[in-house]
Amino acid sequence: LSSFRRRELGSVVAKALVDALKGMDKLGDVIFFMGELGCLGLPCLPHLVHLLDVSIGDDLVPVRTNSVEAIGNILYTLTSKVDDISADVHLAVNKLVDRMVHDDNDQVRYQAALSLGRMGRLISAYSGDNDDGKDLPNMVIDSLAVVAQRDVCRYARVFALDALQRIGTPRAMSYLLKDLWMSRFC
């Protein structure tokens, strides 16, 4: 299939999944399939971010966990020019950072850190501001460093460190070295 045909097919499938999401039947399956679309699932990002906004509470942890993972799977497969990152991608990255830092559930936090790590190459190559005027890569790196140092969940800490390594910028590496130095004495 040509690249145009793949995008066209991806849009059709993404629309069908978004329509299925509205029915709330088999929500976990729909979220999973959105993530499996890879970069063809970009039209699903606003809906996944919305699910993270409305799925508060212990009974909706699987929805948040699956949504964070699906966002990570979609963003991991981006191969387009990093200067052309859309507002939806910005919003999704911001939401991953928010869930990684602020979610009450360990599994959601570590899955968000894992998802950010999987897109390390994209984050390190991006040079632009976030919606609030902050440098997006540095905002992500600083948040990962906080989680790596302070999160109560060891998996969240380890995946945050892994994400810093995958991003690999001098700023990310300085946080890694700081953590390595501190762990030497523990």
C-alpha atoms as a PDB file:
ATOM      1  CA  LEU A   1       0.000   0.000   0.000  1.00  0.00           C
ATOM      2  CA  SER A   2       1.160   3.506  -0.730  1.00  0.00           C
ATOM      3  CA  SER A   3       1.741   5.874   2.151  1.00  0.00           C
ATOM      4  CA  PHE A   4      -1.382   7.834   1.144  1.00  0.00           C
ATOM      5  CA  ARG A   5      -3.515   4.662   1.125  1.00  0.00           C
ATOM      6  CA  ARG A   6      -2.166   3.617   4.541  1.00  0.00           C
ATOM      7  CA  ARG A   7      -3.055   7.031   5.987  1.00  0.00           C
ATOM      8  CA  GLU A   8      -6.485   6.851   4.392  1.00  0.00           C
ATOM      9  CA  LEU A   9      -7.041   3.356   5.764  1.00  0.00           C
ATOM     10  CA  GLY A  10      -5.756   4.449   9.183  1.00  0.00           C
ATOM     11  CA  SER A  11      -8.231   7.333   9.244  1.00  0.00           C
ATOM     12  CA  VAL A  12     -11.120   5.003   8.424  1.00  0.00           C
ATOM     13  CA  VAL A  13     -10.109   2.501  11.112  1.00  0.00           C
ATOM     14  CA  ALA A  14      -9.466   5.265  13.656  1.00  0.00           C
ATOM     15  CA  LYS A  15     -12.927   6.732  12.976  1.00  0.00           C
ATOM     16  CA  ALA A  16     -14.552   3.319  13.412  1.00  0.00           C
ATOM     17  CA  LEU A  17     -12.733   2.833  16.726  1.00  0.00           C
ATOM     18  CA  VAL A  18     -13.740   6.286  17.944  1.00  0.00           C
ATOM     19  CA  ASP A  19     -17.351   5.471  17.021  1.00  0.00           C
ATOM     20  CA  ALA A  20     -17.063   2.182  18.932  1.00  0.00           C
ATOM     21  CA  LEU A  21     -15.667   4.086  21.899  1.00  0.00           C
ATOM     22  CA  LYS A  22     -18.848   6.141  22.085  1.00  0.00           C
ATOM     23  CA  GLY A  23     -20.845   2.972  22.722  1.00  0.00           C
ATOM     24  CA  MET A  24     -18.562   2.064  25.661  1.00  0.00           C
ATOM     25  CA  ASP A  25     -18.882  -1.627  24.776  1.00  0.00           C
ATOM     26  CA  LYS A  26     -15.665  -3.545  25.350  1.00  0.00           C
ATOM     27  CA  LEU A  27     -13.849  -0.324  26.161  1.00  0.00           C
ATOM     28  CA  GLY A  28     -10.550  -2.052  26.927  1.00  0.00           C
ATOM     29  CA  ASP A  29     -10.507  -3.760  23.533  1.00  0.00           C
ATOM     30  CA  VAL A  30     -11.223  -0.514  21.698  1.00  0.00           C
ATOM     31  CA  ILE A  31      -8.453   1.324  23.556  1.00  0.00           C
ATOM     32  CA  PHE A  32      -6.043  -1.541  22.845  1.00  0.00           C
ATOM     33  CA  PHE A  33      -6.814  -1.478  19.118  1.00  0.00           C
ATOM     34  CA  MET A  34      -6.338   2.298  19.010  1.00  0.00           C
ATOM     35  CA  GLY A  35      -2.817   1.790  20.321  1.00  0.00           C
ATOM     36  CA  GLU A  36      -2.153  -1.009  17.853  1.00  0.00           C
ATOM     37  CA  LEU A  37      -2.767   1.370  14.949  1.00  0.00           C
ATOM     38  CA  GLY A  38       0.569   3.003  15.643  1.00  0.00           C
ATOM     39  CA  CYS A  39       1.007   6.349  13.916  1.00  0.00           C
ATOM     40  CA  LEU A  40      -2.177   5.679  11.949  1.00  0.00           C
ATOM     41  CA  GLY A  41      -3.956   6.119  15.290  1.00  0.00           C
ATOM     42  CA  LEU A  42      -3.080   9.818  15.538  1.00  0.00           C
ATOM     43  CA  PRO A  43      -6.759  10.796  15.058  1.00  0.00           C
ATOM     44  CA  CYS A  44      -7.500   8.780  18.239  1.00  0.00           C
ATOM     45  CA  LEU A  45      -5.190  10.863  20.466  1.00  0.00           C
ATOM     46  CA  PRO A  46      -7.749  13.498  21.534  1.00  0.00           C
ATOM     47  CA  HIS A  47     -10.184  10.745  22.514  1.00  0.00           C
ATOM     48  CA  LEU A  48      -7.558   8.865  24.531  1.00  0.00           C
ATOM     49  CA  VAL A  49      -6.557  12.089  26.299  1.00  0.00           C
ATOM     50  CA  HIS A  50     -10.223  12.716  27.049  1.00  0.00           C
ATOM     51  CA  LEU A  51     -10.522   9.239  28.556  1.00  0.00           C
ATOM     52  CA  LEU A  52      -7.624  10.074  30.881  1.00  0.00           C
ATOM     53  CA  ASP A  53      -9.431  13.237  31.952  1.00  0.00           C
ATOM     54  CA  VAL A  54     -12.724  11.534  32.766  1.00  0.00           C
ATOM     55  CA  SER A  55     -11.562   8.160  34.126  1.00  0.00           C
ATOM     56  CA  ILE A  56     -10.784   9.240  37.667  1.00  0.00           C
ATOM     57  CA  GLY A  57     -11.176   6.737  40.491  1.00  0.00           C
ATOM     58  CA  ASP A  58     -10.004   3.285  41.465  1.00  0.00           C
ATOM     59  CA  ASP A  59     -12.633   1.469  39.416  1.00  0.00           C
ATOM     60  CA  LEU A  60     -11.348   3.102  36.208  1.00  0.00           C
ATOM     61  CA  VAL A  61      -7.638   2.324  36.652  1.00  0.00           C
ATOM     62  CA  PRO A  62      -7.687  -0.154  33.716  1.00  0.00           C
ATOM     63  CA  VAL A  63      -9.093   2.569  31.439  1.00  0.00           C
ATOM     64  CA  ARG A  64      -6.315   4.974  32.439  1.00  0.00           C
ATOM     65  CA  THR A  65      -3.615   2.299  32.184  1.00  0.00           C
ATOM     66  CA  ASN A  66      -4.794   1.148  28.747  1.00  0.00           C
ATOM     67  CA  SER A  67      -5.147   4.744  27.531  1.00  0.00           C
ATOM     68  CA  VAL A  68      -1.635   5.681  28.657  1.00  0.00           C
ATOM     69  CA  GLU A  69      -0.235   2.598  26.952  1.00  0.00           C
ATOM     70  CA  ALA A  70      -2.188   3.271  23.740  1.00  0.00           C
ATOM     71  CA  ILE A  71      -0.931   6.868  23.613  1.00  0.00           C
ATOM     72  CA  GLY A  72       2.618   5.584  24.069  1.00  0.00           C
ATOM     73  CA  ASN A  73       2.178   3.024  21.289  1.00  0.00           C
ATOM     74  CA  ILE A  74       0.836   5.633  18.883  1.00  0.00           C
ATOM     75  CA  LEU A  75       3.554   8.171  19.642  1.00  0.00           C
ATOM     76  CA  TYR A  76       6.329   5.556  19.622  1.00  0.00           C
ATOM     77  CA  THR A  77       5.721   4.881  15.951  1.00  0.00           C
ATOM     78  CA  LEU A  78       5.886   8.487  14.785  1.00  0.00           C
ATOM     79  CA  THR A  79       8.500   8.787  12.103  1.00  0.00           C
ATOM     80  CA  SER A  80       7.506  12.130  10.622  1.00  0.00           C
ATOM     81  CA  LYS A  81       9.603  15.261  10.958  1.00  0.00           C
ATOM     82  CA  VAL A  82       9.714  16.170  14.617  1.00  0.00           C
ATOM     83  CA  ASP A  83       9.206  19.851  13.804  1.00  0.00           C
ATOM     84  CA  ASP A  84       5.718  19.007  12.567  1.00  0.00           C
ATOM     85  CA  ILE A  85       4.387  17.699  15.860  1.00  0.00           C
ATOM     86  CA  SER A  86       0.720  18.535  16.061  1.00  0.00           C
ATOM     87  CA  ALA A  87      -1.195  20.100  18.916  1.00  0.00           C
ATOM     88  CA  ASP A  88      -2.735  16.663  19.589  1.00  0.00           C
ATOM     89  CA  VAL A  89       0.725  15.178  20.116  1.00  0.00           C
ATOM     90  CA  HIS A  90       1.645  18.039  22.457  1.00  0.00           C
ATOM     91  CA  LEU A  91      -1.537  17.458  24.417  1.00  0.00           C
ATOM     92  CA  ALA A  92      -0.911  13.710  24.592  1.00  0.00           C
ATOM     93  CA  VAL A  93       2.677  14.144  25.818  1.00  0.00           C
ATOM     94  CA  ASN A  94       1.493  16.647  28.425  1.00  0.00           C
ATOM     95  CA  LYS A  95      -1.162  14.215  29.585  1.00  0.00           C
ATOM     96  CA  LEU A  96       1.364  11.374  29.863  1.00  0.00           C
ATOM     97  CA  VAL A  97       3.568  13.606  32.016  1.00  0.00           C
ATOM     98  CA  ASP A  98       0.574  14.623  34.125  1.00  0.00           C
ATOM     99  CA  ARG A  99      -0.482  11.004  34.729  1.00  0.00           C
ATOM    100  CA  MET A 100       3.120   9.961  35.452  1.00  0.00           C
ATOM    101  CA  VAL A 101       3.535  12.648  38.098  1.00  0.00           C
ATOM    102  CA  HIS A 102       0.053  12.963  39.585  1.00  0.00           C
ATOM    103  CA  ASP A 103      -1.923   9.729  39.214  1.00  0.00           C
ATOM    104  CA  ASP A 104      -2.779   7.952  42.460  1.00  0.00           C
ATOM    105  CA  ASN A 105      -2.243   4.519  40.928  1.00  0.00           C
ATOM    106  CA  ASP A 106       1.255   3.012  40.668  1.00  0.00           C
ATOM    107  CA  GLN A 107       0.468   1.100  37.469  1.00  0.00           C
ATOM    108  CA  VAL A 108      -0.745   4.198  35.640  1.00  0.00           C
ATOM    109  CA  ARG A 109       2.346   6.161  36.725  1.00  0.00           C
ATOM    110  CA  TYR A 110       4.842   3.515  35.650  1.00  0.00           C
ATOM    111  CA  GLN A 111       3.013   2.873  32.380  1.00  0.00           C
ATOM    112  CA  ALA A 112       3.165   6.607  31.634  1.00  0.00           C
ATOM    113  CA  ALA A 113       6.918   6.639  32.357  1.00  0.00           C
ATOM    114  CA  LEU A 114       7.362   3.581  30.125  1.00  0.00           C
ATOM    115  CA  SER A 115       5.390   5.241  27.334  1.00  0.00           C
ATOM    116  CA  LEU A 116       7.494   8.401  27.571  1.00  0.00           C
ATOM    117  CA  GLY A 117      10.629   6.275  27.420  1.00  0.00           C
ATOM    118  CA  ARG A 118       9.488   4.486  24.299  1.00  0.00           C
ATOM    119  CA  MET A 119       9.307   7.823  22.508  1.00  0.00           C
ATOM    120  CA  GLY A 120      12.700   8.984  23.782  1.00  0.00           C
ATOM    121  CA  ARG A 121      14.077   9.491  20.291  1.00  0.00           C
ATOM    122  CA  LEU A 122      11.155  11.739  19.384  1.00  0.00           C
ATOM    123  CA  ILE A 123      11.483  13.788  22.576  1.00  0.00           C
ATOM    124  CA  SER A 124      15.235  14.249  22.209  1.00  0.00           C
ATOM    125  CA  ALA A 125      14.943  15.336  18.576  1.00  0.00           C
ATOM    126  CA  TYR A 126      12.135  17.813  19.133  1.00  0.00           C
ATOM    127  CA  SER A 127      13.006  21.466  19.489  1.00  0.00           C
ATOM    128  CA  GLY A 128       9.988  23.575  20.255  1.00  0.00           C
ATOM    129  CA  ASP A 129       7.809  25.022  22.923  1.00  0.00           C
ATOM    130  CA  ASN A 130       4.969  23.403  24.747  1.00  0.00           C
ATOM    131  CA  ASP A 131       1.489  24.957  24.684  1.00  0.00           C
ATOM    132  CA  ASP A 132       2.333  26.898  27.847  1.00  0.00           C
ATOM    133  CA  GLY A 133       5.579  28.250  26.356  1.00  0.00           C
ATOM    134  CA  LYS A 134       7.873  25.782  28.130  1.00  0.00           C
ATOM    135  CA  ASP A 135      10.459  23.791  26.249  1.00  0.00           C
ATOM    136  CA  LEU A 136       8.732  20.421  25.739  1.00  0.00           C
ATOM    137  CA  PRO A 137      11.786  18.119  25.966  1.00  0.00           C
ATOM    138  CA  ASN A 138      13.096  19.818  29.100  1.00  0.00           C
ATOM    139  CA  MET A 139       9.649  19.732  30.729  1.00  0.00           C
ATOM    140  CA  VAL A 140       9.457  15.974  30.061  1.00  0.00           C
ATOM    141  CA  ILE A 141      13.041  15.410  31.269  1.00  0.00           C
ATOM    142  CA  ASP A 142      12.529  17.435  34.465  1.00  0.00           C
ATOM    143  CA  SER A 143       9.323  15.524  35.239  1.00  0.00           C
ATOM    144  CA  LEU A 144      11.017  12.175  34.619  1.00  0.00           C
ATOM    145  CA  ALA A 145      13.827  13.216  36.963  1.00  0.00           C
ATOM    146  CA  VAL A 146      11.325  14.041  39.720  1.00  0.00           C
ATOM    147  CA  VAL A 147       9.621  10.667  39.330  1.00  0.00           C
ATOM    148  CA  ALA A 148      12.981   8.855  39.223  1.00  0.00           C
ATOM    149  CA  GLN A 149      13.998  10.457  42.505  1.00  0.00           C
ATOM    150  CA  ARG A 150      10.747  10.609  44.463  1.00  0.00           C
ATOM    151  CA  ASP A 151       8.074   8.188  43.305  1.00  0.00           C
ATOM    152  CA  VAL A 152       7.082   5.579  45.890  1.00  0.00           C
ATOM    153  CA  CYS A 153       6.710   2.926  43.170  1.00  0.00           C
ATOM    154  CA  ARG A 154      10.021   1.356  42.225  1.00  0.00           C
ATOM    155  CA  TYR A 155       8.731   0.497  38.739  1.00  0.00           C
ATOM    156  CA  ALA A 156       7.840   4.128  38.065  1.00  0.00           C
ATOM    157  CA  ARG A 157      11.326   5.150  39.213  1.00  0.00           C
ATOM    158  CA  VAL A 158      13.060   2.540  37.038  1.00  0.00           C
ATOM    159  CA  PHE A 159      10.997   3.326  33.935  1.00  0.00           C
ATOM    160  CA  ALA A 160      11.645   7.050  34.480  1.00  0.00           C
ATOM    161  CA  LEU A 161      15.386   6.345  34.585  1.00  0.00           C
ATOM    162  CA  ASP A 162      15.070   4.208  31.464  1.00  0.00           C
ATOM    163  CA  ALA A 163      13.224   7.043  29.733  1.00  0.00           C
ATOM    164  CA  LEU A 164      15.979   9.494  30.642  1.00  0.00           C
ATOM    165  CA  GLN A 165      18.544   7.097  29.163  1.00  0.00           C
ATOM    166  CA  ARG A 166      16.555   6.684  25.944  1.00  0.00           C
ATOM    167  CA  ILE A 167      16.137  10.444  25.569  1.00  0.00           C
ATOM    168  CA  GLY A 168      19.888  10.719  25.964  1.00  0.00           C
ATOM    169  CA  THR A 169      20.295  14.490  25.844  1.00  0.00           C
ATOM    170  CA  PRO A 170      22.988  16.055  28.034  1.00  0.00           C
ATOM    171  CA  ARG A 171      20.290  17.265  30.433  1.00  0.00           C
ATOM    172  CA  ALA A 172      18.755  13.781  30.699  1.00  0.00           C
ATOM    173  CA  MET A 173      22.153  12.177  31.169  1.00  0.00           C
ATOM    174  CA  SER A 174      23.070  14.623  33.957  1.00  0.00           C
ATOM    175  CA  TYR A 175      19.996  13.462  35.892  1.00  0.00           C
ATOM    176  CA  LEU A 176      20.999   9.851  35.299  1.00  0.00           C
ATOM    177  CA  LEU A 177      24.521  10.479  36.575  1.00  0.00           C
ATOM    178  CA  LYS A 178      23.145  12.258  39.622  1.00  0.00           C
ATOM    179  CA  ASP A 179      20.902   9.280  40.378  1.00  0.00           C
ATOM    180  CA  LEU A 180      23.772   6.840  39.832  1.00  0.00           C
ATOM    181  CA  TRP A 181      26.002   8.846  42.165  1.00  0.00           C
ATOM    182  CA  MET A 182      23.312   8.966  44.868  1.00  0.00           C
ATOM    183  CA  SER A 183      22.562   5.232  44.588  1.00  0.00           C
ATOM    184  CA  ARG A 184      26.212   4.462  45.110  1.00  0.00           C
ATOM    185  CA  PHE A 185      25.838   5.278  48.772  1.00  0.00           C
ATOM    186  CA  CYS A 186      22.579   3.425  49.412  1.00  0.00           C
END
